[in-house]
Amino acid sequence: MPILRIDPQSFAPADLAPALSVLRSGGVVAFPTDTFYGLAADPTQPAAVERVFAVKGRAAGEALPLVAVSMEAVEQFCGPIGAAGARLARHFWPGPLALLLDAPAAVVPAVHAGTGAVAIRVPGHPVARALTEAFGRPLTATSANRSGQRPAADAAALADLDPSLFVVDAGVTAGGAPSTIVDARVSPPRLVREGAVPWNRVLTFLSP
């Protein structure tokens, strides 16, 4: 399993070049987020998306969340996020809250499981943001584990995954609950999945 060790406090974006090479060739990279390690791949490349499902042993029909470097990058990829979505983004990004947004036509349908909507967020981990910024568009960020097993909070926990998986090892992540997912396209906004950000806290920021 090829491993690139990164100090999240002192790395330079250029240090991520080997991981970017893997992503641009349609490969999958395990990388740290502010919750757990995730599996990054280009959501517009069918072969790359298929490989994410193979690494996880995940059945088709289960959507893959995305991460981006900023709210501006999210809107460039998905279009305007609306007033309610923007309020939540300003308060909770970077952080473990994802917005359910219309999926761009370029996204492989398996990413959104045919629903036409993707869950996307700006993560709090600097390596995760730097990776997607350098790649130039959002990346998948489903948890780096076999389906049904515990998500990985460090690189050592990835040992049972595909031995050819490229790993960006930036130490131990915070763990905890997965990201909260909110659909702010509807009025009132709808809780899709409660996670690290409690729903009652989300509600306090939804009023203009």
Protein backbone atom coordinates (compact mmCIF):
# COMPACT_ATOMS: atom_id res chain seq x y z
CA MET A 1 0.00 0.00 0.00
CA PRO A 2 1.79 3.21 -1.14
CA ILE A 3 1.78 5.83 1.61
CA LEU A 4 2.54 9.55 1.45
CA ARG A 5 3.18 10.96 4.94
CA ILE A 6 2.15 14.57 5.42
CA ASP A 7 2.45 16.89 8.41
CA PRO A 8 -0.94 18.68 8.43
CA GLN A 9 0.59 21.66 10.24
CA SER A 10 3.52 22.34 7.92
CA PHE A 11 2.88 20.69 4.53
CA ALA A 12 3.03 22.57 1.22
CA PRO A 13 0.42 21.95 -1.50
CA ALA A 14 3.22 20.70 -3.77
CA ASP A 15 3.73 17.82 -1.32
CA LEU A 16 0.43 16.36 -2.54
CA ALA A 17 1.65 15.93 -6.14
CA PRO A 18 1.89 12.11 -5.97
CA ALA A 19 -1.71 11.87 -4.73
CA LEU A 20 -2.90 14.25 -7.47
CA SER A 21 -1.20 12.08 -10.08
CA VAL A 22 -3.17 9.07 -8.84
CA LEU A 23 -6.45 10.99 -8.90
CA ARG A 24 -5.89 12.38 -12.39
CA SER A 25 -5.18 8.91 -13.71
CA GLY A 26 -8.54 7.67 -12.40
CA GLY A 27 -7.25 6.17 -9.17
CA VAL A 28 -8.49 6.34 -5.58
CA VAL A 29 -6.71 8.06 -2.69
CA ALA A 30 -7.39 7.61 1.02
CA PHE A 31 -7.09 11.01 2.71
CA PRO A 32 -7.85 12.61 6.10
CA THR A 33 -10.95 14.70 6.74
CA ASP A 34 -12.13 16.44 9.89
CA THR A 35 -14.08 13.32 10.90
CA PHE A 36 -12.48 10.16 9.43
CA TYR A 37 -10.32 9.13 6.50
CA GLY A 38 -12.19 9.23 3.20
CA LEU A 39 -11.80 7.80 -0.29
CA ALA A 40 -11.11 10.49 -2.87
CA ALA A 41 -11.77 9.99 -6.57
CA ASP A 42 -12.83 12.12 -9.51
CA PRO A 43 -16.66 12.07 -9.44
CA THR A 44 -16.76 12.75 -13.18
CA GLN A 45 -14.74 9.66 -14.17
CA PRO A 46 -16.82 6.43 -14.37
CA ALA A 47 -13.82 4.13 -13.86
CA ALA A 48 -12.68 6.09 -10.81
CA VAL A 49 -16.13 5.98 -9.23
CA GLU A 50 -16.40 2.26 -9.94
CA ARG A 51 -13.08 1.74 -8.18
CA VAL A 52 -14.35 3.53 -5.04
CA PHE A 53 -17.25 1.07 -4.85
CA ALA A 54 -14.84 -1.83 -5.38
CA VAL A 55 -12.46 -0.67 -2.61
CA LYS A 56 -15.36 -0.33 -0.16
CA GLY A 57 -17.15 -3.47 -1.30
CA ARG A 58 -20.17 -1.20 -1.52
CA ALA A 59 -23.32 -2.09 -3.41
CA ALA A 60 -24.56 0.16 -6.19
CA GLY A 61 -27.42 2.38 -5.13
CA GLU A 62 -25.62 4.02 -2.20
CA ALA A 63 -24.57 7.61 -2.88
CA LEU A 64 -21.07 9.00 -2.36
CA PRO A 65 -20.62 12.37 -0.59
CA LEU A 66 -18.31 15.05 -1.97
CA VAL A 67 -15.93 17.63 -0.53
CA ALA A 68 -14.77 20.97 -1.94
CA VAL A 69 -12.29 23.65 -0.94
CA SER A 70 -14.76 26.51 -0.45
CA MET A 71 -18.35 27.69 -0.84
CA GLU A 72 -17.31 29.35 -4.10
CA ALA A 73 -15.99 26.02 -5.40
CA VAL A 74 -19.25 24.33 -4.41
CA GLU A 75 -21.27 26.90 -6.35
CA GLN A 76 -18.98 26.67 -9.37
CA PHE A 77 -19.57 22.92 -9.44
CA CYS A 78 -23.23 22.64 -8.39
CA GLY A 79 -24.67 26.09 -9.08
CA PRO A 80 -26.12 28.59 -6.56
CA ILE A 81 -26.84 27.06 -3.16
CA GLY A 82 -29.64 29.47 -2.23
CA ALA A 83 -30.10 31.82 0.70
CA ALA A 84 -30.67 29.15 3.35
CA GLY A 85 -27.78 27.05 2.09
CA ALA A 86 -25.51 30.09 2.09
CA ARG A 87 -26.40 30.90 5.70
CA LEU A 88 -25.53 27.37 6.77
CA ALA A 89 -22.33 27.40 4.74
CA ARG A 90 -21.18 30.66 6.31
CA HIS A 91 -21.74 29.30 9.82
CA PHE A 92 -20.63 25.67 9.46
CA TRP A 93 -17.99 25.58 6.71
CA PRO A 94 -15.32 24.43 7.02
CA GLY A 95 -16.87 21.66 9.08
CA PRO A 96 -18.93 18.47 9.23
CA LEU A 97 -22.18 19.71 7.71
CA ALA A 98 -23.07 18.78 4.11
CA LEU A 99 -25.69 20.37 1.88
CA LEU A 100 -27.78 18.28 -0.47
CA LEU A 101 -27.57 20.01 -3.87
CA ASP A 102 -28.49 19.27 -7.47
CA ALA A 103 -25.83 17.09 -9.05
CA PRO A 104 -24.06 18.56 -12.10
CA ALA A 105 -24.56 16.67 -15.35
CA ALA A 106 -20.84 15.83 -15.40
CA VAL A 107 -21.12 13.76 -12.20
CA VAL A 108 -21.27 10.01 -12.75
CA PRO A 109 -24.84 8.86 -11.90
CA ALA A 110 -23.52 6.22 -9.48
CA VAL A 111 -22.19 9.04 -7.28
CA HIS A 112 -25.73 10.21 -6.52
CA ALA A 113 -27.32 6.76 -6.91
CA GLY A 114 -29.63 8.12 -9.60
CA THR A 115 -31.26 10.64 -7.24
CA GLY A 116 -29.90 13.69 -9.04
CA ALA A 117 -28.62 15.19 -5.77
CA VAL A 118 -25.22 15.12 -4.06
CA ALA A 119 -24.21 15.81 -0.47
CA ILE A 120 -21.26 18.20 -0.49
CA ARG A 121 -19.34 20.11 2.17
CA VAL A 122 -16.15 22.03 2.87
CA PRO A 123 -14.14 19.91 5.34
CA GLY A 124 -12.26 21.30 8.31
CA HIS A 125 -9.05 19.37 7.63
CA PRO A 126 -6.38 21.42 5.81
CA VAL A 127 -5.07 18.44 3.84
CA ALA A 128 -8.55 17.60 2.55
CA ARG A 129 -9.12 21.18 1.40
CA ALA A 130 -5.68 21.42 -0.19
CA LEU A 131 -6.19 18.17 -2.09
CA THR A 132 -9.49 19.21 -3.65
CA GLU A 133 -8.20 22.73 -4.36
CA ALA A 134 -5.16 21.37 -6.18
CA PHE A 135 -7.30 18.87 -8.08
CA GLY A 136 -9.49 21.69 -9.34
CA ARG A 137 -12.94 20.36 -8.50
CA PRO A 138 -14.74 18.46 -5.72
CA LEU A 139 -13.74 14.91 -4.87
CA THR A 140 -15.62 11.96 -3.42
CA ALA A 141 -15.20 11.57 0.33
CA THR A 142 -17.00 8.42 1.40
CA SER A 143 -15.48 6.88 4.53
CA ALA A 144 -12.37 4.77 3.93
CA ASN A 145 -13.50 1.37 5.15
CA ARG A 146 -15.16 -1.78 3.92
CA SER A 147 -18.93 -1.36 3.96
CA GLY A 148 -20.36 -2.33 7.32
CA GLN A 149 -17.07 -1.85 9.18
CA ARG A 150 -15.95 1.04 11.36
CA PRO A 151 -14.59 4.11 9.57
CA ALA A 152 -10.85 4.68 9.84
CA ALA A 153 -9.46 7.46 12.01
CA ASP A 154 -5.83 6.73 11.11
CA ALA A 155 -3.85 5.23 8.26
CA ALA A 156 -3.11 2.02 10.16
CA ALA A 157 -6.82 1.16 10.10
CA LEU A 158 -6.70 1.09 6.29
CA ALA A 159 -4.52 -2.01 6.16
CA ASP A 160 -7.42 -4.31 5.26
CA LEU A 161 -8.40 -2.30 2.19
CA ASP A 162 -7.03 -2.74 -1.33
CA PRO A 163 -3.22 -3.08 -1.11
CA SER A 164 -2.84 -0.85 -4.17
CA LEU A 165 -4.78 2.00 -2.51
CA PHE A 166 -2.73 5.21 -2.30
CA VAL A 167 -2.82 6.68 1.22
CA VAL A 168 -2.15 10.25 2.34
CA ASP A 169 -1.20 9.71 5.98
CA ALA A 170 -1.61 12.90 8.01
CA GLY A 171 -1.97 11.28 11.40
CA VAL A 172 -5.07 10.64 13.48
CA THR A 173 -8.33 12.40 12.62
CA ALA A 174 -10.90 13.60 15.14
CA GLY A 175 -13.39 10.78 14.53
CA GLY A 176 -16.77 11.16 16.18
CA ALA A 177 -20.05 11.24 14.29
CA PRO A 178 -20.26 11.49 10.50
CA SER A 179 -21.25 14.77 8.89
CA THR A 180 -24.81 16.06 9.19
CA ILE A 181 -26.64 16.34 5.85
CA VAL A 182 -29.26 19.05 5.22
CA ASP A 183 -31.44 19.70 2.18
CA ALA A 184 -31.76 23.49 2.14
CA ARG A 185 -33.28 23.52 -1.37
CA VAL A 186 -36.71 23.00 0.17
CA SER A 187 -38.64 25.24 2.55
CA PRO A 188 -38.38 24.61 5.38
CA PRO A 189 -34.97 22.92 5.07
CA ARG A 190 -35.02 19.18 5.77
CA LEU A 191 -32.71 17.04 7.89
CA VAL A 192 -31.41 14.19 5.72
CA ARG A 193 -28.97 12.72 8.26
CA GLU A 194 -28.12 13.95 11.74
CA GLY A 195 -24.47 13.67 12.61
CA ALA A 196 -21.69 15.78 14.06
CA VAL A 197 -23.76 18.99 13.93
CA PRO A 198 -27.02 18.59 15.94
CA TRP A 199 -30.21 19.48 14.06
CA ASN A 200 -31.33 21.92 16.76
CA ARG A 201 -28.09 23.85 16.24
CA VAL A 202 -28.68 23.92 12.49
CA LEU A 203 -32.16 25.35 13.05
CA THR A 204 -30.78 28.33 14.97
CA PHE A 205 -29.00 29.55 11.85
CA LEU A 206 -31.81 29.09 9.34
CA SER A 207 -33.75 32.26 10.10
CA PRO A 208 -32.75 35.29 8.01
